[in-house]
């Protein structure tokens, strides 16, 4: 795995984890009864992105390490994922 591939894998893992983390424990402006003019009532109340980014990093890093370990070990290869026999062994 090249450095570029590792960075791409990490960024994909990080953003997919972020999309899973975002809805948890988020209080909307409507729930907080503090709607800022010009924003939708469902927008988050307060600054939550810094905390969500740290939580995402703490969750995504071990997930990335496991995926990278599997790829680097060769335990699962691209040929193993060729279910339709399109690649020549």
Protein backbone atom coordinates (compact mmCIF):
# COMPACT_ATOMS: atom_id res chain seq x y z
CA UNK A 1 0.00 0.00 0.00
CA UNK A 2 1.42 3.37 -0.97
CA UNK A 3 1.29 6.44 1.24
CA UNK A 4 -1.31 7.96 -1.06
CA UNK A 5 -3.49 4.86 -0.83
CA UNK A 6 -3.17 4.89 2.97
CA UNK A 7 -4.21 8.57 3.09
CA UNK A 8 -7.16 7.97 0.77
CA UNK A 9 -8.24 4.97 2.85
CA UNK A 10 -7.97 7.03 6.04
CA UNK A 11 -9.93 9.95 4.62
CA UNK A 12 -12.71 7.66 3.39
CA UNK A 13 -12.81 5.90 6.76
CA UNK A 14 -12.78 9.23 8.62
CA UNK A 15 -15.62 10.80 6.64
CA UNK A 16 -17.80 7.67 6.76
CA UNK A 17 -17.28 7.61 10.53
CA UNK A 18 -18.09 11.34 10.73
CA UNK A 19 -21.41 10.77 8.97
CA UNK A 20 -22.22 8.08 11.55
CA UNK A 21 -21.14 10.25 14.51
CA UNK A 22 -22.88 13.50 13.49
CA UNK A 23 -26.46 12.65 14.50
CA UNK A 24 -25.61 11.33 17.98
CA UNK A 25 -26.25 13.62 20.95
CA UNK A 26 -26.85 16.63 18.73
CA UNK A 27 -29.32 19.18 20.09
CA UNK A 28 -31.15 21.16 17.43
CA UNK A 29 -31.87 24.87 17.71
CA UNK A 30 -35.56 24.03 17.93
CA UNK A 31 -34.96 21.72 20.91
CA UNK A 32 -32.75 24.34 22.58
CA UNK A 33 -35.42 27.03 21.93
CA UNK A 34 -32.72 29.30 20.44
CA UNK A 35 -33.30 29.60 16.70
CA UNK A 36 -30.81 31.91 14.98
CA UNK A 37 -32.53 33.99 12.26
CA UNK A 38 -31.75 32.72 8.78
CA UNK A 39 -31.05 29.13 9.86
CA UNK A 40 -33.36 26.13 9.83
CA UNK A 41 -34.78 25.02 13.18
CA UNK A 42 -33.13 21.61 12.76
CA UNK A 43 -29.63 23.10 12.64
CA UNK A 44 -27.35 22.16 15.57
CA UNK A 45 -27.37 24.49 18.55
CA UNK A 46 -23.89 25.57 19.54
CA UNK A 47 -20.48 24.65 18.22
CA UNK A 48 -20.34 20.85 18.03
CA UNK A 49 -18.01 20.20 15.10
CA UNK A 50 -14.72 20.34 17.03
CA UNK A 51 -15.94 17.74 19.52
CA UNK A 52 -17.44 15.59 16.74
CA UNK A 53 -14.16 15.76 14.79
CA UNK A 54 -12.18 14.52 17.81
CA UNK A 55 -14.65 11.70 18.46
CA UNK A 56 -14.54 10.78 14.78
CA UNK A 57 -10.74 10.68 14.83
CA UNK A 58 -10.70 8.47 17.92
CA UNK A 59 -13.11 6.00 16.31
CA UNK A 60 -11.82 6.12 12.71
CA UNK A 61 -8.12 5.59 13.49
CA UNK A 62 -8.44 2.04 14.90
CA UNK A 63 -10.91 1.12 12.16
CA UNK A 64 -8.41 2.34 9.57
CA UNK A 65 -5.59 0.43 11.27
CA UNK A 66 -7.56 -2.83 11.09
CA UNK A 67 -8.47 -2.30 7.43
CA UNK A 68 -4.89 -1.33 6.52
CA UNK A 69 -3.58 -4.34 8.45
CA UNK A 70 -5.85 -6.69 6.52
CA UNK A 71 -4.78 -5.15 3.22
CA UNK A 72 -1.06 -5.19 4.06
CA UNK A 73 -1.13 -8.74 5.41
CA UNK A 74 -2.66 -10.06 2.20
CA UNK A 75 -5.31 -11.93 4.18
CA UNK A 76 -7.93 -10.60 1.75
CA UNK A 77 -6.82 -9.64 -1.75
CA UNK A 78 -8.55 -8.21 -4.80
CA UNK A 79 -8.62 -11.71 -6.31
CA UNK A 80 -10.65 -12.90 -3.30
CA UNK A 81 -13.29 -10.29 -4.13
CA UNK A 82 -13.59 -11.44 -7.77
CA UNK A 83 -16.95 -13.18 -7.38
CA UNK A 84 -17.73 -13.25 -11.09
CA UNK A 85 -14.38 -14.65 -12.29
CA UNK A 86 -13.46 -11.61 -14.36
CA UNK A 87 -9.84 -11.46 -13.17
CA UNK A 88 -7.32 -14.00 -14.35
CA UNK A 89 -5.35 -15.63 -11.54
